[in-house]
PDB file of N, CA and C in Angstrom:
ATOM      1  N   MET A   1       5.241   9.642 -19.010  1.00  0.00           N
ATOM      2  CA  MET A   1       4.068  10.366 -18.572  1.00  0.00           C
ATOM      3  C   MET A   1       4.372  11.038 -17.226  1.00  0.00           C
ATOM      4  N   ASP A   2       3.902  12.224 -17.054  1.00  0.00           N
ATOM      5  CA  ASP A   2       4.100  12.997 -15.838  1.00  0.00           C
ATOM      6  C   ASP A   2       3.259  12.453 -14.693  1.00  0.00           C
ATOM      7  N   HIS A   3       3.897  12.187 -13.538  1.00  0.00           N
ATOM      8  CA  HIS A   3       3.165  11.596 -12.409  1.00  0.00           C
ATOM      9  C   HIS A   3       2.065  12.522 -11.901  1.00  0.00           C
ATOM     10  N   LYS A   4       2.253  13.829 -12.013  1.00  0.00           N
ATOM     11  CA  LYS A   4       1.206  14.762 -11.555  1.00  0.00           C
ATOM     12  C   LYS A   4      -0.035  14.646 -12.435  1.00  0.00           C
ATOM     13  N   ARG A   5       0.168  14.446 -13.723  1.00  0.00           N
ATOM     14  CA  ARG A   5      -0.945  14.281 -14.652  1.00  0.00           C
ATOM     15  C   ARG A   5      -1.693  12.991 -14.348  1.00  0.00           C
ATOM     16  N   VAL A   6      -0.939  11.925 -14.090  1.00  0.00           N
ATOM     17  CA  VAL A   6      -1.547  10.628 -13.745  1.00  0.00           C
ATOM     18  C   VAL A   6      -2.379  10.784 -12.462  1.00  0.00           C
ATOM     19  N   PHE A   7      -1.813  11.504 -11.481  1.00  0.00           N
ATOM     20  CA  PHE A   7      -2.533  11.731 -10.214  1.00  0.00           C
ATOM     21  C   PHE A   7      -3.822  12.494 -10.462  1.00  0.00           C
ATOM     22  N   GLU A   8      -3.741  13.590 -11.242  1.00  0.00           N
ATOM     23  CA  GLU A   8      -4.937  14.390 -11.536  1.00  0.00           C
ATOM     24  C   GLU A   8      -5.984  13.558 -12.268  1.00  0.00           C
ATOM     25  N   ASP A   9      -5.543  12.714 -13.204  1.00  0.00           N
ATOM     26  CA  ASP A   9      -6.487  11.846 -13.914  1.00  0.00           C
ATOM     27  C   ASP A   9      -7.129  10.854 -12.940  1.00  0.00           C
ATOM     28  N   ALA A  10      -6.312  10.301 -12.040  1.00  0.00           N
ATOM     29  CA  ALA A  10      -6.827   9.323 -11.080  1.00  0.00           C
ATOM     30  C   ALA A  10      -7.878   9.943 -10.160  1.00  0.00           C
ATOM     31  N   LEU A  11      -7.715  11.209  -9.841  1.00  0.00           N
ATOM     32  CA  LEU A  11      -8.695  11.881  -8.963  1.00  0.00           C
ATOM     33  C   LEU A  11     -10.072  11.962  -9.590  1.00  0.00           C
ATOM     34  N   GLN A  12     -10.137  11.808 -10.905  1.00  0.00           N
ATOM     35  CA  GLN A  12     -11.439  11.858 -11.584  1.00  0.00           C
ATOM     36  C   GLN A  12     -12.196  10.533 -11.502  1.00  0.00           C
ATOM     37  N   LEU A  13     -11.523   9.494 -11.046  1.00  0.00           N
ATOM     38  CA  LEU A  13     -12.159   8.170 -10.931  1.00  0.00           C
ATOM     39  C   LEU A  13     -13.081   8.143  -9.713  1.00  0.00           C
ATOM     40  N   PRO A  14     -14.085   7.256  -9.720  1.00  0.00           N
ATOM     41  CA  PRO A  14     -14.949   7.090  -8.541  1.00  0.00           C
ATOM     42  C   PRO A  14     -14.107   6.637  -7.330  1.00  0.00           C
ATOM     43  N   ALA A  15     -14.561   6.931  -6.148  1.00  0.00           N
ATOM     44  CA  ALA A  15     -13.823   6.635  -4.921  1.00  0.00           C
ATOM     45  C   ALA A  15     -13.444   5.160  -4.801  1.00  0.00           C
ATOM     46  N   ASN A  16     -14.372   4.266  -5.133  1.00  0.00           N
ATOM     47  CA  ASN A  16     -14.067   2.847  -4.987  1.00  0.00           C
ATOM     48  C   ASN A  16     -12.981   2.403  -5.971  1.00  0.00           C
ATOM     49  N   VAL A  17     -12.932   2.996  -7.132  1.00  0.00           N
ATOM     50  CA  VAL A  17     -11.899   2.671  -8.114  1.00  0.00           C
ATOM     51  C   VAL A  17     -10.556   3.244  -7.670  1.00  0.00           C
ATOM     52  N   ARG A  18     -10.591   4.473  -7.125  1.00  0.00           N
ATOM     53  CA  ARG A  18      -9.354   5.082  -6.597  1.00  0.00           C
ATOM     54  C   ARG A  18      -8.785   4.217  -5.467  1.00  0.00           C
ATOM     55  N   ALA A  19      -9.657   3.718  -4.587  1.00  0.00           N
ATOM     56  CA  ALA A  19      -9.207   2.884  -3.476  1.00  0.00           C
ATOM     57  C   ALA A  19      -8.568   1.593  -3.983  1.00  0.00           C
ATOM     58  N   ALA A  20      -9.178   0.982  -4.976  1.00  0.00           N
ATOM     59  CA  ALA A  20      -8.622  -0.256  -5.544  1.00  0.00           C
ATOM     60  C   ALA A  20      -7.284   0.028  -6.213  1.00  0.00           C
ATOM     61  N   LEU A  21      -7.189   1.142  -6.934  1.00  0.00           N
ATOM     62  CA  LEU A  21      -5.949   1.525  -7.576  1.00  0.00           C
ATOM     63  C   LEU A  21      -4.850   1.777  -6.538  1.00  0.00           C
ATOM     64  N   ALA A  22      -5.201   2.477  -5.475  1.00  0.00           N
ATOM     65  CA  ALA A  22      -4.234   2.745  -4.408  1.00  0.00           C
ATOM     66  C   ALA A  22      -3.723   1.452  -3.802  1.00  0.00           C
ATOM     67  N   ALA A  23      -4.635   0.510  -3.556  1.00  0.00           N
ATOM     68  CA  ALA A  23      -4.222  -0.781  -2.983  1.00  0.00           C
ATOM     69  C   ALA A  23      -3.285  -1.528  -3.928  1.00  0.00           C
ATOM     70  N   GLU A  24      -3.581  -1.487  -5.208  1.00  0.00           N
ATOM     71  CA  GLU A  24      -2.716  -2.145  -6.184  1.00  0.00           C
ATOM     72  C   GLU A  24      -1.340  -1.486  -6.227  1.00  0.00           C
ATOM     73  N   LEU A  25      -1.293  -0.156  -6.184  1.00  0.00           N
ATOM     74  CA  LEU A  25      -0.017   0.549  -6.188  1.00  0.00           C
ATOM     75  C   LEU A  25       0.792   0.222  -4.952  1.00  0.00           C
ATOM     76  N   ILE A  26       0.130   0.224  -3.810  1.00  0.00           N
ATOM     77  CA  ILE A  26       0.833  -0.082  -2.553  1.00  0.00           C
ATOM     78  C   ILE A  26       1.383  -1.502  -2.584  1.00  0.00           C
ATOM     79  N   SER A  27       0.630  -2.416  -3.153  1.00  0.00           N
ATOM     80  CA  SER A  27       1.099  -3.802  -3.177  1.00  0.00           C
ATOM     81  C   SER A  27       2.366  -3.955  -4.005  1.00  0.00           C
ATOM     82  N   THR A  28       2.603  -3.056  -4.950  1.00  0.00           N
ATOM     83  CA  THR A  28       3.831  -3.135  -5.755  1.00  0.00           C
ATOM     84  C   THR A  28       5.042  -2.698  -4.941  1.00  0.00           C
ATOM     85  N   LEU A  29       4.841  -2.050  -3.811  1.00  0.00           N
ATOM     86  CA  LEU A  29       5.936  -1.590  -2.971  1.00  0.00           C
ATOM     87  C   LEU A  29       6.375  -2.644  -1.960  1.00  0.00           C
ATOM     88  N   ASP A  30       5.541  -3.632  -1.736  1.00  0.00           N
ATOM     89  CA  ASP A  30       5.834  -4.672  -0.761  1.00  0.00           C
ATOM     90  C   ASP A  30       6.767  -5.709  -1.358  1.00  0.00           C
ATOM     91  N   GLU A  31       8.068  -5.464  -1.220  1.00  0.00           N
ATOM     92  CA  GLU A  31       9.021  -6.423  -1.770  1.00  0.00           C
ATOM     93  C   GLU A  31       9.238  -7.584  -0.810  1.00  0.00           C
ATOM     94  N   GLU A  32       9.229  -7.318   0.481  1.00  0.00           N
ATOM     95  CA  GLU A  32       9.384  -8.359   1.482  1.00  0.00           C
ATOM     96  C   GLU A  32       8.169  -8.307   2.409  1.00  0.00           C
ATOM     97  N   SER A  33       7.597  -9.473   2.681  1.00  0.00           N
ATOM     98  CA  SER A  33       6.478  -9.489   3.592  1.00  0.00           C
ATOM     99  C   SER A  33       6.938 -10.068   4.933  1.00  0.00           C
ATOM    100  N   ASP A  34       6.370  -9.564   5.984  1.00  0.00           N
ATOM    101  CA  ASP A  34       6.674 -10.044   7.321  1.00  0.00           C
ATOM    102  C   ASP A  34       5.852 -11.298   7.581  1.00  0.00           C
ATOM    103  N   VAL A  35       6.529 -12.400   7.782  1.00  0.00           N
ATOM    104  CA  VAL A  35       5.830 -13.658   7.991  1.00  0.00           C
ATOM    105  C   VAL A  35       4.958 -13.648   9.237  1.00  0.00           C
ATOM    106  N   ASN A  36       5.275 -12.780  10.175  1.00  0.00           N
ATOM    107  CA  ASN A  36       4.506 -12.685  11.417  1.00  0.00           C
ATOM    108  C   ASN A  36       3.391 -11.638  11.360  1.00  0.00           C
ATOM    109  N   ALA A  37       3.305 -10.906  10.272  1.00  0.00           N
ATOM    110  CA  ALA A  37       2.364  -9.791  10.180  1.00  0.00           C
ATOM    111  C   ALA A  37       0.925 -10.221  10.438  1.00  0.00           C
ATOM    112  N   GLU A  38       0.497 -11.305   9.835  1.00  0.00           N
ATOM    113  CA  GLU A  38      -0.891 -11.728   9.995  1.00  0.00           C
ATOM    114  C   GLU A  38      -1.214 -12.057  11.451  1.00  0.00           C
ATOM    115  N   ALA A  39      -0.307 -12.749  12.125  1.00  0.00           N
ATOM    116  CA  ALA A  39      -0.518 -13.089  13.536  1.00  0.00           C
ATOM    117  C   ALA A  39      -0.511 -11.832  14.390  1.00  0.00           C
ATOM    118  N   LEU A  40       0.385 -10.901  14.080  1.00  0.00           N
ATOM    119  CA  LEU A  40       0.441  -9.657  14.841  1.00  0.00           C
ATOM    120  C   LEU A  40      -0.838  -8.834  14.666  1.00  0.00           C
ATOM    121  N   TRP A  41      -1.355  -8.774  13.424  1.00  0.00           N
ATOM    122  CA  TRP A  41      -2.603  -8.051  13.187  1.00  0.00           C
ATOM    123  C   TRP A  41      -3.760  -8.739  13.913  1.00  0.00           C
ATOM    124  N   ALA A  42      -3.805 -10.047  13.918  1.00  0.00           N
ATOM    125  CA  ALA A  42      -4.862 -10.759  14.622  1.00  0.00           C
ATOM    126  C   ALA A  42      -4.817 -10.438  16.113  1.00  0.00           C
ATOM    127  N   ASP A  43      -3.625 -10.399  16.681  1.00  0.00           N
ATOM    128  CA  ASP A  43      -3.475 -10.038  18.111  1.00  0.00           C
ATOM    129  C   ASP A  43      -3.951  -8.598  18.348  1.00  0.00           C
ATOM    130  N   GLU A  44      -3.584  -7.699  17.447  1.00  0.00           N
ATOM    131  CA  GLU A  44      -3.991  -6.294  17.611  1.00  0.00           C
ATOM    132  C   GLU A  44      -5.496  -6.149  17.509  1.00  0.00           C
ATOM    133  N   ILE A  45      -6.121  -6.843  16.571  1.00  0.00           N
ATOM    134  CA  ILE A  45      -7.572  -6.786  16.419  1.00  0.00           C
ATOM    135  C   ILE A  45      -8.252  -7.340  17.650  1.00  0.00           C
ATOM    136  N   ARG A  46      -7.758  -8.470  18.147  1.00  0.00           N
ATOM    137  CA  ARG A  46      -8.323  -9.076  19.359  1.00  0.00           C
ATOM    138  C   ARG A  46      -8.236  -8.100  20.538  1.00  0.00           C
ATOM    139  N   LYS A  47      -7.080  -7.439  20.680  1.00  0.00           N
ATOM    140  CA  LYS A  47      -6.872  -6.469  21.756  1.00  0.00           C
ATOM    141  C   LYS A  47      -7.864  -5.311  21.643  1.00  0.00           C
ATOM    142  N   ARG A  48      -8.051  -4.797  20.422  1.00  0.00           N
ATOM    143  CA  ARG A  48      -8.957  -3.673  20.237  1.00  0.00           C
ATOM    144  C   ARG A  48     -10.412  -4.060  20.493  1.00  0.00           C
ATOM    145  N   VAL A  49     -10.794  -5.246  20.059  1.00  0.00           N
ATOM    146  CA  VAL A  49     -12.169  -5.728  20.321  1.00  0.00           C
ATOM    147  C   VAL A  49     -12.394  -5.863  21.812  1.00  0.00           C
ATOM    148  N   ASP A  50     -11.414  -6.402  22.517  1.00  0.00           N
ATOM    149  CA  ASP A  50     -11.518  -6.528  23.973  1.00  0.00           C
ATOM    150  C   ASP A  50     -11.660  -5.164  24.645  1.00  0.00           C
ATOM    151  N   GLU A  51     -10.918  -4.164  24.161  1.00  0.00           N
ATOM    152  CA  GLU A  51     -11.022  -2.812  24.718  1.00  0.00           C
ATOM    153  C   GLU A  51     -12.409  -2.223  24.506  1.00  0.00           C
ATOM    154  N   ILE A  52     -12.989  -2.470  23.338  1.00  0.00           N
ATOM    155  CA  ILE A  52     -14.339  -1.981  23.069  1.00  0.00           C
ATOM    156  C   ILE A  52     -15.353  -2.686  23.967  1.00  0.00           C
ATOM    157  N   LYS A  53     -15.242  -4.008  24.042  1.00  0.00           N
ATOM    158  CA  LYS A  53     -16.193  -4.768  24.868  1.00  0.00           C
ATOM    159  C   LYS A  53     -16.115  -4.401  26.347  1.00  0.00           C
ATOM    160  N   SER A  54     -14.917  -4.112  26.828  1.00  0.00           N
ATOM    161  CA  SER A  54     -14.753  -3.768  28.245  1.00  0.00           C
ATOM    162  C   SER A  54     -15.138  -2.327  28.548  1.00  0.00           C
ATOM    163  N   GLY A  55     -15.318  -1.522  27.502  1.00  0.00           N
ATOM    164  CA  GLY A  55     -15.649  -0.122  27.715  1.00  0.00           C
ATOM    165  C   GLY A  55     -14.427   0.770  27.924  1.00  0.00           C
ATOM    166  N   ALA A  56     -13.243   0.212  27.748  1.00  0.00           N
ATOM    167  CA  ALA A  56     -12.013   0.980  27.920  1.00  0.00           C
ATOM    168  C   ALA A  56     -11.862   2.053  26.827  1.00  0.00           C
ATOM    169  N   VAL A  57     -12.439   1.805  25.669  1.00  0.00           N
ATOM    170  CA  VAL A  57     -12.436   2.791  24.590  1.00  0.00           C
ATOM    171  C   VAL A  57     -13.828   2.977  24.073  1.00  0.00           C
ATOM    172  N   ARG A  58     -14.076   4.123  23.476  1.00  0.00           N
ATOM    173  CA  ARG A  58     -15.397   4.457  22.959  1.00  0.00           C
ATOM    174  C   ARG A  58     -15.291   4.589  21.433  1.00  0.00           C
ATOM    175  N   THR A  59     -16.211   3.969  20.716  1.00  0.00           N
ATOM    176  CA  THR A  59     -16.205   4.089  19.270  1.00  0.00           C
ATOM    177  C   THR A  59     -16.945   5.360  18.857  1.00  0.00           C
ATOM    178  N   ILE A  60     -16.644   5.808  17.639  1.00  0.00           N
ATOM    179  CA  ILE A  60     -17.350   6.955  17.064  1.00  0.00           C
ATOM    180  C   ILE A  60     -17.783   6.581  15.662  1.00  0.00           C
ATOM    181  N   PRO A  61     -18.832   7.214  15.155  1.00  0.00           N
ATOM    182  CA  PRO A  61     -19.271   6.901  13.783  1.00  0.00           C
ATOM    183  C   PRO A  61     -18.205   7.288  12.761  1.00  0.00           C
ATOM    184  N   TRP A  62     -18.201   6.569  11.610  1.00  0.00           N
ATOM    185  CA  TRP A  62     -17.226   6.842  10.563  1.00  0.00           C
ATOM    186  C   TRP A  62     -17.258   8.304  10.116  1.00  0.00           C
ATOM    187  N   ALA A  63     -18.418   8.907  10.007  1.00  0.00           N
ATOM    188  CA  ALA A  63     -18.503  10.303   9.552  1.00  0.00           C
ATOM    189  C   ALA A  63     -17.708  11.214  10.475  1.00  0.00           C
ATOM    190  N   GLU A  64     -17.775  10.984  11.783  1.00  0.00           N
ATOM    191  CA  GLU A  64     -17.029  11.813  12.732  1.00  0.00           C
ATOM    192  C   GLU A  64     -15.530  11.513  12.648  1.00  0.00           C
ATOM    193  N   ALA A  65     -15.178  10.237  12.521  1.00  0.00           N
ATOM    194  CA  ALA A  65     -13.764   9.878  12.382  1.00  0.00           C
ATOM    195  C   ALA A  65     -13.183  10.505  11.132  1.00  0.00           C
ATOM    196  N   ARG A  66     -13.916  10.439  10.027  1.00  0.00           N
ATOM    197  CA  ARG A  66     -13.463  11.032   8.763  1.00  0.00           C
ATOM    198  C   ARG A  66     -13.292  12.533   8.921  1.00  0.00           C
ATOM    199  N   ARG A  67     -14.249  13.200   9.558  1.00  0.00           N
ATOM    200  CA  ARG A  67     -14.157  14.650   9.754  1.00  0.00           C
ATOM    201  C   ARG A  67     -12.896  14.989  10.533  1.00  0.00           C
ATOM    202  N   ARG A  68     -12.623  14.260  11.620  1.00  0.00           N
ATOM    203  CA  ARG A  68     -11.444  14.522  12.430  1.00  0.00           C
ATOM    204  C   ARG A  68     -10.139  14.308  11.648  1.00  0.00           C
ATOM    205  N   ILE A  69     -10.123  13.255  10.841  1.00  0.00           N
ATOM    206  CA  ILE A  69      -8.945  12.959  10.026  1.00  0.00           C
ATOM    207  C   ILE A  69      -8.681  14.104   9.039  1.00  0.00           C
ATOM    208  N   LEU A  70      -9.732  14.533   8.366  1.00  0.00           N
ATOM    209  CA  LEU A  70      -9.574  15.601   7.379  1.00  0.00           C
ATOM    210  C   LEU A  70      -9.139  16.901   8.034  1.00  0.00           C
ATOM    211  N   VAL A  71      -9.720  17.234   9.182  1.00  0.00           N
ATOM    212  CA  VAL A  71      -9.323  18.457   9.899  1.00  0.00           C
ATOM    213  C   VAL A  71      -7.859  18.355  10.322  1.00  0.00           C
ATOM    214  N   ALA A  72      -7.445  17.216  10.834  1.00  0.00           N
ATOM    215  CA  ALA A  72      -6.053  17.032  11.256  1.00  0.00           C
ATOM    216  C   ALA A  72      -5.096  17.153  10.063  1.00  0.00           C
ATOM    217  N   ALA A  73      -5.575  16.778   8.868  1.00  0.00           N
ATOM    218  CA  ALA A  73      -4.747  16.836   7.683  1.00  0.00           C
ATOM    219  C   ALA A  73      -4.813  18.216   7.022  1.00  0.00           C
ATOM    220  N   GLY A  74      -5.600  19.121   7.634  1.00  0.00           N
ATOM    221  CA  GLY A  74      -5.695  20.462   7.075  1.00  0.00           C
ATOM    222  C   GLY A  74      -6.610  20.549   5.869  1.00  0.00           C
ATOM    223  N   ARG A  75      -7.531  19.595   5.717  1.00  0.00           N
ATOM    224  CA  ARG A  75      -8.440  19.591   4.585  1.00  0.00           C
ATOM    225  C   ARG A  75      -9.842  19.936   5.043  1.00  0.00           C
ATOM    226  N   ASP A  76     -10.637  20.400   4.123  1.00  0.00           N
ATOM    227  CA  ASP A  76     -12.036  20.767   4.408  1.00  0.00           C
ATOM    228  C   ASP A  76     -12.870  19.500   4.545  1.00  0.00           C
ATOM    229  N   PRO A  77     -13.432  19.268   5.733  1.00  0.00           N
ATOM    230  CA  PRO A  77     -14.230  18.045   5.928  1.00  0.00           C
ATOM    231  C   PRO A  77     -15.565  18.071   5.207  1.00  0.00           C
ATOM    232  N   ASN A  78     -15.949  19.212   4.650  1.00  0.00           N
ATOM    233  CA  ASN A  78     -17.241  19.330   3.970  1.00  0.00           C
ATOM    234  C   ASN A  78     -17.143  19.189   2.465  1.00  0.00           C
ATOM    235  N   SER A  79     -15.951  18.843   1.964  1.00  0.00           N
ATOM    236  CA  SER A  79     -15.852  18.725   0.508  1.00  0.00           C
ATOM    237  C   SER A  79     -15.900  17.280   0.063  1.00  0.00           C
TER     238      SER A  79
END
């Protein structure tokens, strides 16, 4: 089967199903896991929460973050 056809078919799925499919596909690429990854992510999350609480960084609503991401990727944020 042609991967472009599979991709086009997948785009017809609802967003939540596409996200689950993407996660499953990505998990098939993880041949080796970093035993320290969970601890490192916990440290990173703690650091980011502390930055928010201290006012060192400012949060923005998801809609604005999504718009910025799409614009940076050269995609129409209104579609």
